[in-house]
Amino acid sequence: MTERAAADDHALAAELAAAAGRLLLGVRDEVGFADGRALKDTGDLRSHEYLMAALAERCPGDAVLSEEGRSSVAGKRSKDDDRAPTRNTGEAERLSAPRVWIIDPLDGTREFSEEGRRDWAVHVALWERDAAGAARLSAGAVALPAQGLTLRTCATGGAVLVRDDAGEPDPVTAGSDAARRGLPREVPLHVPAPDTGKLRIAVSRTRPPEFVQRLAEKLDLDVELVPIGSAGAKISAVLLGEVDAYVHAGGQYEWDSAAPAAVALAAGAHASRIDGAPLEYNRKDPRLPDILVCHPVSASTLLTGIRDVGDGLPG
């Protein structure tokens, strides 16, 4: 692949994630919050159909794995549209493909359906296999539409934070309106180190974090558990310095973490399974039940603590 084509993959992931995010903000305005199920399904499917069509047009030879393209959700419908969701690339074709887009059209449907919540996301990631058979996440973007932010990989090997409107407040912006307007639209993104002796761990809003609570009690640190919505929002919070780690062992799928993990790794973060094994994508079974994302300085402490409380792991 040429250097230009690789750069285009990074830009395309960010472009599509941000555009799907704007579409979702419009769905919120159109459907409203009175019927949460209708809002969730319409958001899921409209974003899915936009991303599937855009990838078919822009990358016609690539395979796609989307949360909403599974046969198990074929009966889902969006508001005023009785069409079945566009299906994913067939399994055999996907598993042999050199390029697979792994997307979550709406990560955090619960938060999306709750008025005022901003902790939901859109994920767009590219997985590639080279001629030698080595595979990796090669590009990724996480849009946080309600926060006006997109976190993305870039061709230089790093990551950047993109502000949709440099004049809007966001979680990493402080000061007067005039100061905010002076901020650059794009800034390099590097995972910040935690304060000495302290650790803020992102946890689910809706699932009791018994395992993480036991981990917090085991660590010889001042630990604060911070409830945040979607997986993408949690990992973004690590990269933005709002929390220091995300530990999850309650079950996920590849689309829940592919794009956030791609950005996290590009931003210098540690991202692995909770036993320290590498995260692997584009497998026959897309379940990826656990993940750890943190600054590298915290990885050893967290992995040791997880091992020590391992008997109580879910599943």
C-alpha atoms as a PDB file:
ATOM      1  CA  MET A   1       0.000   0.000   0.000  1.00  0.00           C
ATOM      2  CA  THR A   2       1.251   3.491  -0.801  1.00  0.00           C
ATOM      3  CA  GLU A   3       1.927   6.094   1.892  1.00  0.00           C
ATOM      4  CA  ARG A   4      -0.863   8.197   0.395  1.00  0.00           C
ATOM      5  CA  ALA A   5      -3.368   5.342   0.600  1.00  0.00           C
ATOM      6  CA  ALA A   6      -2.439   4.663   4.233  1.00  0.00           C
ATOM      7  CA  ALA A   7      -2.926   8.338   5.101  1.00  0.00           C
ATOM      8  CA  ASP A   8      -6.307   8.221   3.388  1.00  0.00           C
ATOM      9  CA  ASP A   9      -7.389   5.318   5.615  1.00  0.00           C
ATOM     10  CA  HIS A  10      -6.763   7.370   8.763  1.00  0.00           C
ATOM     11  CA  ALA A  11      -8.547  10.384   7.311  1.00  0.00           C
ATOM     12  CA  LEU A  12     -11.449   8.260   6.073  1.00  0.00           C
ATOM     13  CA  ALA A  13     -11.981   6.615   9.463  1.00  0.00           C
ATOM     14  CA  ALA A  14     -12.166  10.034  11.106  1.00  0.00           C
ATOM     15  CA  GLU A  15     -14.359  11.500   8.379  1.00  0.00           C
ATOM     16  CA  LEU A  16     -16.897   8.688   8.536  1.00  0.00           C
ATOM     17  CA  ALA A  17     -17.024   8.520  12.340  1.00  0.00           C
ATOM     18  CA  ALA A  18     -17.584  12.273  12.595  1.00  0.00           C
ATOM     19  CA  ALA A  19     -20.211  12.295   9.829  1.00  0.00           C
ATOM     20  CA  ALA A  20     -22.110   9.405  11.420  1.00  0.00           C
ATOM     21  CA  GLY A  21     -21.951  11.330  14.690  1.00  0.00           C
ATOM     22  CA  ARG A  22     -23.552  14.382  13.104  1.00  0.00           C
ATOM     23  CA  LEU A  23     -26.240  12.148  11.641  1.00  0.00           C
ATOM     24  CA  LEU A  24     -26.931  10.750  15.119  1.00  0.00           C
ATOM     25  CA  LEU A  25     -27.283  14.208  16.619  1.00  0.00           C
ATOM     26  CA  GLY A  26     -29.899  14.857  13.935  1.00  0.00           C
ATOM     27  CA  VAL A  27     -31.709  11.632  14.838  1.00  0.00           C
ATOM     28  CA  ARG A  28     -31.891  12.775  18.447  1.00  0.00           C
ATOM     29  CA  ASP A  29     -33.479  16.047  17.330  1.00  0.00           C
ATOM     30  CA  GLU A  30     -35.897  14.322  14.952  1.00  0.00           C
ATOM     31  CA  VAL A  31     -37.095  11.398  17.056  1.00  0.00           C
ATOM     32  CA  GLY A  32     -36.857  12.954  20.507  1.00  0.00           C
ATOM     33  CA  PHE A  33     -36.508  11.126  23.811  1.00  0.00           C
ATOM     34  CA  ALA A  34     -40.091  10.079  24.582  1.00  0.00           C
ATOM     35  CA  ASP A  35     -39.741   6.642  22.978  1.00  0.00           C
ATOM     36  CA  GLY A  36     -36.345   5.347  23.980  1.00  0.00           C
ATOM     37  CA  ARG A  37     -36.560   2.127  21.946  1.00  0.00           C
ATOM     38  CA  ALA A  38     -37.452   3.980  18.749  1.00  0.00           C
ATOM     39  CA  LEU A  39     -34.594   6.407  19.302  1.00  0.00           C
ATOM     40  CA  LYS A  40     -32.078   3.621  19.963  1.00  0.00           C
ATOM     41  CA  ASP A  41     -33.096   1.529  16.952  1.00  0.00           C
ATOM     42  CA  THR A  42     -33.299   4.488  14.594  1.00  0.00           C
ATOM     43  CA  GLY A  43     -29.898   5.748  15.691  1.00  0.00           C
ATOM     44  CA  ASP A  44     -28.301   2.304  15.406  1.00  0.00           C
ATOM     45  CA  LEU A  45     -29.656   1.622  11.931  1.00  0.00           C
ATOM     46  CA  ARG A  46     -29.329   5.011  10.297  1.00  0.00           C
ATOM     47  CA  SER A  47     -25.704   5.264  11.363  1.00  0.00           C
ATOM     48  CA  HIS A  48     -25.119   1.657  10.244  1.00  0.00           C
ATOM     49  CA  GLU A  49     -26.658   2.237   6.819  1.00  0.00           C
ATOM     50  CA  TYR A  50     -24.674   5.444   6.335  1.00  0.00           C
ATOM     51  CA  LEU A  51     -21.383   3.748   7.209  1.00  0.00           C
ATOM     52  CA  MET A  52     -22.093   0.626   5.134  1.00  0.00           C
ATOM     53  CA  ALA A  53     -22.976   2.717   2.074  1.00  0.00           C
ATOM     54  CA  ALA A  54     -19.978   5.007   2.510  1.00  0.00           C
ATOM     55  CA  LEU A  55     -17.542   2.107   2.848  1.00  0.00           C
ATOM     56  CA  ALA A  56     -19.081   0.306  -0.129  1.00  0.00           C
ATOM     57  CA  GLU A  57     -18.540   3.438  -2.205  1.00  0.00           C
ATOM     58  CA  ARG A  58     -15.133   4.496  -0.926  1.00  0.00           C
ATOM     59  CA  CYS A  59     -13.560   1.068  -0.291  1.00  0.00           C
ATOM     60  CA  PRO A  60     -15.499  -1.357  -2.518  1.00  0.00           C
ATOM     61  CA  GLY A  61     -13.036  -4.230  -2.127  1.00  0.00           C
ATOM     62  CA  ASP A  62     -12.926  -4.193   1.673  1.00  0.00           C
ATOM     63  CA  ALA A  63     -14.879  -6.395   4.073  1.00  0.00           C
ATOM     64  CA  VAL A  64     -17.011  -4.943   6.875  1.00  0.00           C
ATOM     65  CA  LEU A  65     -17.948  -6.222  10.335  1.00  0.00           C
ATOM     66  CA  SER A  66     -20.622  -4.058  11.979  1.00  0.00           C
ATOM     67  CA  GLU A  67     -22.576  -4.625  15.159  1.00  0.00           C
ATOM     68  CA  GLU A  68     -25.784  -3.892  13.249  1.00  0.00           C
ATOM     69  CA  GLY A  69     -24.971  -6.131  10.279  1.00  0.00           C
ATOM     70  CA  ARG A  70     -25.343  -9.410  12.174  1.00  0.00           C
ATOM     71  CA  SER A  71     -28.098 -11.854  11.325  1.00  0.00           C
ATOM     72  CA  SER A  72     -29.261 -11.697  14.957  1.00  0.00           C
ATOM     73  CA  VAL A  73     -30.433  -8.096  14.519  1.00  0.00           C
ATOM     74  CA  ALA A  74     -32.012  -8.562  11.082  1.00  0.00           C
ATOM     75  CA  GLY A  75     -35.445  -7.840  12.533  1.00  0.00           C
ATOM     76  CA  LYS A  76     -34.522  -4.407  13.873  1.00  0.00           C
ATOM     77  CA  ARG A  77     -36.129  -1.425  12.109  1.00  0.00           C
ATOM     78  CA  SER A  78     -35.639   2.323  12.260  1.00  0.00           C
ATOM     79  CA  LYS A  79     -38.405   4.920  12.417  1.00  0.00           C
ATOM     80  CA  ASP A  80     -40.474   5.102   9.202  1.00  0.00           C
ATOM     81  CA  ASP A  81     -38.259   2.566   7.411  1.00  0.00           C
ATOM     82  CA  ASP A  82     -39.205  -1.106   7.084  1.00  0.00           C
ATOM     83  CA  ARG A  83     -36.005  -2.193   5.323  1.00  0.00           C
ATOM     84  CA  ALA A  84     -33.836  -4.848   6.940  1.00  0.00           C
ATOM     85  CA  PRO A  85     -30.318  -3.752   7.915  1.00  0.00           C
ATOM     86  CA  THR A  86     -27.555  -4.194   5.346  1.00  0.00           C
ATOM     87  CA  ARG A  87     -25.740  -7.430   6.167  1.00  0.00           C
ATOM     88  CA  ASN A  88     -22.061  -7.777   7.000  1.00  0.00           C
ATOM     89  CA  THR A  89     -19.581  -9.328   4.616  1.00  0.00           C
ATOM     90  CA  GLY A  90     -19.940 -13.106   4.741  1.00  0.00           C
ATOM     91  CA  GLU A  91     -17.840 -14.827   7.366  1.00  0.00           C
ATOM     92  CA  ALA A  92     -15.629 -16.830   4.997  1.00  0.00           C
ATOM     93  CA  GLU A  93     -14.920 -13.790   2.842  1.00  0.00           C
ATOM     94  CA  ARG A  94     -14.215 -11.615   5.893  1.00  0.00           C
ATOM     95  CA  LEU A  95     -11.810 -14.082   7.466  1.00  0.00           C
ATOM     96  CA  SER A  96      -9.763 -14.309   4.250  1.00  0.00           C
ATOM     97  CA  ALA A  97      -9.875 -10.590   3.443  1.00  0.00           C
ATOM     98  CA  PRO A  98      -6.699  -8.491   3.773  1.00  0.00           C
ATOM     99  CA  ARG A  99      -8.690  -5.419   4.893  1.00  0.00           C
ATOM    100  CA  VAL A 100     -11.700  -5.412   7.232  1.00  0.00           C
ATOM    101  CA  TRP A 101     -13.496  -2.361   8.612  1.00  0.00           C
ATOM    102  CA  ILE A 102     -14.776  -3.043  12.137  1.00  0.00           C
ATOM    103  CA  ILE A 103     -17.473  -0.545  13.086  1.00  0.00           C
ATOM    104  CA  ASP A 104     -19.866   0.215  15.888  1.00  0.00           C
ATOM    105  CA  PRO A 105     -22.394   2.661  14.421  1.00  0.00           C
ATOM    106  CA  LEU A 106     -23.601   3.698  17.880  1.00  0.00           C
ATOM    107  CA  ASP A 107     -21.637   2.684  20.958  1.00  0.00           C
ATOM    108  CA  GLY A 108     -23.711   3.423  24.044  1.00  0.00           C
ATOM    109  CA  THR A 109     -27.321   3.291  22.859  1.00  0.00           C
ATOM    110  CA  ARG A 110     -28.572   3.702  26.432  1.00  0.00           C
ATOM    111  CA  GLU A 111     -26.703   6.978  26.846  1.00  0.00           C
ATOM    112  CA  PHE A 112     -27.721   8.101  23.360  1.00  0.00           C
ATOM    113  CA  SER A 113     -31.381   7.676  24.346  1.00  0.00           C
ATOM    114  CA  GLU A 114     -31.041   9.734  27.543  1.00  0.00           C
ATOM    115  CA  GLU A 115     -31.418  13.456  27.084  1.00  0.00           C
ATOM    116  CA  GLY A 116     -28.332  15.430  28.062  1.00  0.00           C
ATOM    117  CA  ARG A 117     -25.916  12.485  28.137  1.00  0.00           C
ATOM    118  CA  ARG A 118     -22.708  12.897  26.166  1.00  0.00           C
ATOM    119  CA  ASP A 119     -20.925   9.600  26.854  1.00  0.00           C
ATOM    120  CA  TRP A 120     -21.746   7.727  23.634  1.00  0.00           C
ATOM    121  CA  ALA A 121     -19.662   7.279  20.518  1.00  0.00           C
ATOM    122  CA  VAL A 122     -19.194   6.100  16.937  1.00  0.00           C
ATOM    123  CA  HIS A 123     -16.348   3.648  16.175  1.00  0.00           C
ATOM    124  CA  VAL A 124     -14.642   3.136  12.817  1.00  0.00           C
ATOM    125  CA  ALA A 125     -11.517   0.936  12.665  1.00  0.00           C
ATOM    126  CA  LEU A 126      -9.531  -0.745   9.915  1.00  0.00           C
ATOM    127  CA  TRP A 127      -7.883  -4.130  10.460  1.00  0.00           C
ATOM    128  CA  GLU A 128      -5.271  -5.212   7.926  1.00  0.00           C
ATOM    129  CA  ARG A 129      -3.241  -8.315   7.153  1.00  0.00           C
ATOM    130  CA  ASP A 130       0.024  -7.838   5.263  1.00  0.00           C
ATOM    131  CA  ALA A 131       1.586 -10.120   2.657  1.00  0.00           C
ATOM    132  CA  ALA A 132       3.501 -11.990   5.374  1.00  0.00           C
ATOM    133  CA  GLY A 133       0.299 -12.722   7.281  1.00  0.00           C
ATOM    134  CA  ALA A 134       0.879 -10.276  10.135  1.00  0.00           C
ATOM    135  CA  ALA A 135      -2.355  -8.598  11.233  1.00  0.00           C
ATOM    136  CA  ARG A 136      -3.045  -5.394  13.134  1.00  0.00           C
ATOM    137  CA  LEU A 137      -5.414  -2.488  13.617  1.00  0.00           C
ATOM    138  CA  SER A 138      -4.003  -0.009  11.108  1.00  0.00           C
ATOM    139  CA  ALA A 139      -6.374   2.961  11.492  1.00  0.00           C
ATOM    140  CA  GLY A 140      -9.163   4.030  13.775  1.00  0.00           C
ATOM    141  CA  ALA A 141     -11.362   6.876  14.920  1.00  0.00           C
ATOM    142  CA  VAL A 142     -13.744   7.406  17.821  1.00  0.00           C
ATOM    143  CA  ALA A 143     -16.241  10.226  17.458  1.00  0.00           C
ATOM    144  CA  LEU A 144     -17.834  11.693  20.588  1.00  0.00           C
ATOM    145  CA  PRO A 145     -20.535  13.684  18.783  1.00  0.00           C
ATOM    146  CA  ALA A 146     -22.231  15.219  21.806  1.00  0.00           C
ATOM    147  CA  GLN A 147     -18.825  16.458  23.016  1.00  0.00           C
ATOM    148  CA  GLY A 148     -17.755  17.825  19.634  1.00  0.00           C
ATOM    149  CA  LEU A 149     -14.639  15.633  19.586  1.00  0.00           C
ATOM    150  CA  THR A 150     -13.053  12.966  17.412  1.00  0.00           C
ATOM    151  CA  LEU A 151     -10.014  10.968  18.519  1.00  0.00           C
ATOM    152  CA  ARG A 152      -8.168   9.441  15.578  1.00  0.00           C
ATOM    153  CA  THR A 153      -5.008   7.740  14.444  1.00  0.00           C
ATOM    154  CA  CYS A 154      -2.747   9.419  11.906  1.00  0.00           C
ATOM    155  CA  ALA A 155      -0.309   8.277   9.256  1.00  0.00           C
ATOM    156  CA  THR A 156       2.734   9.328  11.304  1.00  0.00           C
ATOM    157  CA  GLY A 157       1.957   6.569  13.803  1.00  0.00           C
ATOM    158  CA  GLY A 158       0.550   8.846  16.495  1.00  0.00           C
ATOM    159  CA  ALA A 159      -2.916  10.067  17.363  1.00  0.00           C
ATOM    160  CA  VAL A 160      -4.679  13.413  17.311  1.00  0.00           C
ATOM    161  CA  LEU A 161      -7.675  15.013  18.991  1.00  0.00           C
ATOM    162  CA  VAL A 162      -9.968  16.869  16.594  1.00  0.00           C
ATOM    163  CA  ARG A 163     -12.373  19.508  17.849  1.00  0.00           C
ATOM    164  CA  ASP A 164     -15.413  19.862  15.614  1.00  0.00           C
ATOM    165  CA  ASP A 165     -15.742  23.468  16.749  1.00  0.00           C
ATOM    166  CA  ALA A 166     -12.741  25.007  18.486  1.00  0.00           C
ATOM    167  CA  GLY A 167     -15.094  27.538  20.087  1.00  0.00           C
ATOM    168  CA  GLU A 168     -17.201  24.961  21.953  1.00  0.00           C
ATOM    169  CA  PRO A 169     -16.390  23.837  25.500  1.00  0.00           C
ATOM    170  CA  ASP A 170     -15.296  20.228  25.817  1.00  0.00           C
ATOM    171  CA  PRO A 171     -13.781  17.961  28.497  1.00  0.00           C
ATOM    172  CA  VAL A 172     -10.215  19.092  27.771  1.00  0.00           C
ATOM    173  CA  THR A 173     -11.014  22.786  27.255  1.00  0.00           C
ATOM    174  CA  ALA A 174     -11.076  25.345  30.032  1.00  0.00           C
ATOM    175  CA  GLY A 175     -11.029  29.118  30.269  1.00  0.00           C
ATOM    176  CA  SER A 176     -12.957  31.904  28.614  1.00  0.00           C
ATOM    177  CA  ASP A 177     -14.817  31.734  25.307  1.00  0.00           C
ATOM    178  CA  ALA A 178     -12.113  33.883  23.762  1.00  0.00           C
ATOM    179  CA  ALA A 179      -9.436  31.452  24.932  1.00  0.00           C
ATOM    180  CA  ARG A 180     -11.376  28.506  23.549  1.00  0.00           C
ATOM    181  CA  ARG A 181     -11.677  30.163  20.159  1.00  0.00           C
ATOM    182  CA  GLY A 182      -7.890  30.435  20.072  1.00  0.00           C
ATOM    183  CA  LEU A 183      -7.377  26.690  20.436  1.00  0.00           C
ATOM    184  CA  PRO A 184      -6.160  24.742  17.401  1.00  0.00           C
ATOM    185  CA  ARG A 185      -8.636  22.442  15.689  1.00  0.00           C
ATOM    186  CA  GLU A 186      -6.258  19.463  15.929  1.00  0.00           C
ATOM    187  CA  VAL A 187      -3.788  18.701  18.705  1.00  0.00           C
ATOM    188  CA  PRO A 188      -1.507  15.683  19.257  1.00  0.00           C
ATOM    189  CA  LEU A 189      -3.019  13.123  21.589  1.00  0.00           C
ATOM    190  CA  HIS A 190      -0.813  11.407  24.190  1.00  0.00           C
ATOM    191  CA  VAL A 191      -2.155   9.357  27.074  1.00  0.00           C
ATOM    192  CA  PRO A 192      -1.412  11.277  30.301  1.00  0.00           C
ATOM    193  CA  ALA A 193       0.278   9.589  33.260  1.00  0.00           C
ATOM    194  CA  PRO A 194      -1.726   9.260  36.499  1.00  0.00           C
ATOM    195  CA  ASP A 195      -0.978  11.280  39.588  1.00  0.00           C
ATOM    196  CA  THR A 196       1.367   9.488  41.967  1.00  0.00           C
ATOM    197  CA  GLY A 197      -0.483   7.277  44.442  1.00  0.00           C
ATOM    198  CA  LYS A 198      -3.859   7.747  42.765  1.00  0.00           C
ATOM    199  CA  LEU A 199      -5.815   5.902  40.098  1.00  0.00           C
ATOM    200  CA  ARG A 200      -9.195   6.735  38.587  1.00  0.00           C
ATOM    201  CA  ILE A 201     -10.784   3.695  36.913  1.00  0.00           C
ATOM    202  CA  ALA A 202     -13.697   4.014  34.476  1.00  0.00           C
ATOM    203  CA  VAL A 203     -16.540   1.601  35.215  1.00  0.00           C
ATOM    204  CA  SER A 204     -19.928   0.847  33.724  1.00  0.00           C
ATOM    205  CA  ARG A 205     -22.922   2.979  34.681  1.00  0.00           C
ATOM    206  CA  THR A 206     -25.328   0.077  34.418  1.00  0.00           C
ATOM    207  CA  ARG A 207     -23.500  -3.133  35.416  1.00  0.00           C
ATOM    208  CA  PRO A 208     -22.372  -3.494  39.038  1.00  0.00           C
ATOM    209  CA  PRO A 209     -18.530  -3.401  38.982  1.00  0.00           C
ATOM    210  CA  GLU A 210     -17.925  -6.087  41.642  1.00  0.00           C
ATOM    211  CA  PHE A 211     -14.733  -7.319  39.983  1.00  0.00           C
ATOM    212  CA  VAL A 212     -13.305  -3.821  39.626  1.00  0.00           C
ATOM    213  CA  GLN A 213     -14.337  -3.022  43.194  1.00  0.00           C
ATOM    214  CA  ARG A 214     -12.316  -6.008  44.393  1.00  0.00           C
ATOM    215  CA  LEU A 215      -9.410  -4.855  42.247  1.00  0.00           C
ATOM    216  CA  ALA A 216      -9.626  -1.352  43.720  1.00  0.00           C
ATOM    217  CA  GLU A 217      -9.495  -2.794  47.234  1.00  0.00           C
ATOM    218  CA  LYS A 218      -6.469  -4.911  46.329  1.00  0.00           C
ATOM    219  CA  LEU A 219      -4.378  -2.067  44.898  1.00  0.00           C
ATOM    220  CA  ASP A 220      -2.139  -0.134  47.248  1.00  0.00           C
ATOM    221  CA  LEU A 221      -3.412   3.147  45.775  1.00  0.00           C
ATOM    222  CA  ASP A 222      -6.081   5.765  46.314  1.00  0.00           C
ATOM    223  CA  VAL A 223      -8.587   4.401  43.775  1.00  0.00           C
ATOM    224  CA  GLU A 224     -11.682   6.211  42.532  1.00  0.00           C
ATOM    225  CA  LEU A 225     -14.265   4.393  40.408  1.00  0.00           C
ATOM    226  CA  VAL A 226     -15.775   6.717  37.793  1.00  0.00           C
ATOM    227  CA  PRO A 227     -19.048   5.666  36.093  1.00  0.00           C
ATOM    228  CA  ILE A 228     -19.040   6.404  32.336  1.00  0.00           C
ATOM    229  CA  GLY A 229     -21.347   5.137  29.591  1.00  0.00           C
ATOM    230  CA  SER A 230     -20.052   3.520  26.436  1.00  0.00           C
ATOM    231  CA  ALA A 231     -16.774   1.624  26.015  1.00  0.00           C
ATOM    232  CA  GLY A 232     -15.599   4.206  23.500  1.00  0.00           C
ATOM    233  CA  ALA A 233     -16.343   7.015  25.920  1.00  0.00           C
ATOM    234  CA  LYS A 234     -14.472   5.199  28.701  1.00  0.00           C
ATOM    235  CA  ILE A 235     -11.336   4.612  26.634  1.00  0.00           C
ATOM    236  CA  SER A 236     -11.505   8.165  25.301  1.00  0.00           C
ATOM    237  CA  ALA A 237     -11.678   9.379  28.901  1.00  0.00           C
ATOM    238  CA  VAL A 238      -8.385   7.579  29.578  1.00  0.00           C
ATOM    239  CA  LEU A 239      -6.762   9.288  26.599  1.00  0.00           C
ATOM    240  CA  LEU A 240      -8.192  12.691  27.556  1.00  0.00           C
ATOM    241  CA  GLY A 241      -6.954  12.447  31.149  1.00  0.00           C
ATOM    242  CA  GLU A 242     -10.422  12.307  32.713  1.00  0.00           C
ATOM    243  CA  VAL A 243      -9.639   8.871  34.174  1.00  0.00           C
ATOM    244  CA  ASP A 244      -6.457   6.813  34.358  1.00  0.00           C
ATOM    245  CA  ALA A 245      -7.614   3.317  33.363  1.00  0.00           C
ATOM    246  CA  TYR A 246     -10.411   1.228  31.951  1.00  0.00           C
ATOM    247  CA  VAL A 247     -10.695  -2.366  33.141  1.00  0.00           C
ATOM    248  CA  HIS A 248     -13.510  -4.523  31.810  1.00  0.00           C
ATOM    249  CA  ALA A 249     -14.227  -8.222  32.176  1.00  0.00           C
ATOM    250  CA  GLY A 250     -17.977  -8.443  31.659  1.00  0.00           C
ATOM    251  CA  GLY A 251     -18.179  -9.343  27.967  1.00  0.00           C
ATOM    252  CA  GLN A 252     -17.771  -7.328  24.769  1.00  0.00           C
ATOM    253  CA  TYR A 253     -17.362  -7.774  21.026  1.00  0.00           C
ATOM    254  CA  GLU A 254     -14.696  -6.657  18.584  1.00  0.00           C
ATOM    255  CA  TRP A 255     -16.667  -3.587  17.477  1.00  0.00           C
ATOM    256  CA  ASP A 256     -16.834  -2.368  21.078  1.00  0.00           C
ATOM    257  CA  SER A 257     -13.073  -1.892  21.305  1.00  0.00           C
ATOM    258  CA  ALA A 258     -11.405  -2.003  17.861  1.00  0.00           C
ATOM    259  CA  ALA A 259     -11.449   1.724  17.104  1.00  0.00           C
ATOM    260  CA  PRO A 260     -10.790   2.871  20.695  1.00  0.00           C
ATOM    261  CA  ALA A 261      -7.921   0.375  21.004  1.00  0.00           C
ATOM    262  CA  ALA A 262      -6.408   1.555  17.710  1.00  0.00           C
ATOM    263  CA  VAL A 263      -6.428   5.160  18.923  1.00  0.00           C
ATOM    264  CA  ALA A 264      -5.213   4.207  22.406  1.00  0.00           C
ATOM    265  CA  LEU A 265      -2.213   2.307  21.065  1.00  0.00           C
ATOM    266  CA  ALA A 266      -1.380   5.158  18.691  1.00  0.00           C
ATOM    267  CA  ALA A 267      -1.584   7.599  21.620  1.00  0.00           C
ATOM    268  CA  GLY A 268       1.001   5.594  23.580  1.00  0.00           C
ATOM    269  CA  ALA A 269      -1.385   3.771  25.903  1.00  0.00           C
ATOM    270  CA  HIS A 270      -1.198   0.171  27.056  1.00  0.00           C
ATOM    271  CA  ALA A 271      -4.114  -1.814  25.590  1.00  0.00           C
ATOM    272  CA  SER A 272      -4.417  -5.562  26.113  1.00  0.00           C
ATOM    273  CA  ARG A 273      -6.548  -8.383  27.426  1.00  0.00           C
ATOM    274  CA  ILE A 274      -6.736  -8.400  31.224  1.00  0.00           C
ATOM    275  CA  ASP A 275      -4.145 -11.189  31.346  1.00  0.00           C
ATOM    276  CA  GLY A 276      -1.751  -9.051  29.313  1.00  0.00           C
ATOM    277  CA  ALA A 277      -2.298 -10.934  26.040  1.00  0.00           C
ATOM    278  CA  PRO A 278      -2.582  -8.872  22.854  1.00  0.00           C
ATOM    279  CA  LEU A 279      -5.992  -7.817  21.594  1.00  0.00           C
ATOM    280  CA  GLU A 280      -6.822  -9.765  18.425  1.00  0.00           C
ATOM    281  CA  TYR A 281      -9.413  -8.809  15.824  1.00  0.00           C
ATOM    282  CA  ASN A 282     -11.179 -10.232  12.769  1.00  0.00           C
ATOM    283  CA  ARG A 283     -11.644 -13.662  14.283  1.00  0.00           C
ATOM    284  CA  LYS A 284     -14.393 -16.156  13.511  1.00  0.00           C
ATOM    285  CA  ASP A 285     -15.997 -15.498  16.901  1.00  0.00           C
ATOM    286  CA  PRO A 286     -16.126 -11.719  17.385  1.00  0.00           C
ATOM    287  CA  ARG A 287     -16.524 -11.947  21.148  1.00  0.00           C
ATOM    288  CA  LEU A 288     -13.695 -10.175  22.974  1.00  0.00           C
ATOM    289  CA  PRO A 289     -14.763 -10.390  26.599  1.00  0.00           C
ATOM    290  CA  ASP A 290     -12.181  -8.293  28.445  1.00  0.00           C
ATOM    291  CA  ILE A 291      -9.819  -5.356  28.021  1.00  0.00           C
ATOM    292  CA  LEU A 292      -7.370  -3.168  29.916  1.00  0.00           C
ATOM    293  CA  VAL A 293      -6.439   0.331  28.751  1.00  0.00           C
ATOM    294  CA  CYS A 294      -4.149   2.574  30.791  1.00  0.00           C
ATOM    295  CA  HIS A 295      -0.901   4.516  30.765  1.00  0.00           C
ATOM    296  CA  PRO A 296       2.050   2.088  30.445  1.00  0.00           C
ATOM    297  CA  VAL A 297       3.288   3.105  33.902  1.00  0.00           C
ATOM    298  CA  SER A 298       0.127   1.618  35.446  1.00  0.00           C
ATOM    299  CA  ALA A 299       0.004  -1.571  33.399  1.00  0.00           C
ATOM    300  CA  SER A 300       2.155  -3.796  35.590  1.00  0.00           C
ATOM    301  CA  THR A 301       0.350  -2.766  38.780  1.00  0.00           C
ATOM    302  CA  LEU A 302      -3.065  -3.352  37.238  1.00  0.00           C
ATOM    303  CA  LEU A 303      -2.171  -6.662  35.594  1.00  0.00           C
ATOM    304  CA  THR A 304      -0.747  -7.952  38.886  1.00  0.00           C
ATOM    305  CA  GLY A 305      -3.827  -6.818  40.770  1.00  0.00           C
ATOM    306  CA  ILE A 306      -6.132  -8.409  38.200  1.00  0.00           C
ATOM    307  CA  ARG A 307      -4.216 -11.678  38.477  1.00  0.00           C
ATOM    308  CA  ASP A 308      -4.508 -11.579  42.264  1.00  0.00           C
ATOM    309  CA  VAL A 309      -8.313 -11.217  42.159  1.00  0.00           C
ATOM    310  CA  GLY A 310      -8.663 -13.507  39.149  1.00  0.00           C
ATOM    311  CA  ASP A 311     -10.762 -16.116  40.954  1.00  0.00           C
ATOM    312  CA  GLY A 312     -13.615 -13.653  40.993  1.00  0.00           C
ATOM    313  CA  LEU A 313     -13.565 -12.774  37.327  1.00  0.00           C
ATOM    314  CA  PRO A 314     -16.920 -12.853  35.514  1.00  0.00           C
ATOM    315  CA  GLY A 315     -17.475 -15.899  33.290  1.00  0.00           C
END
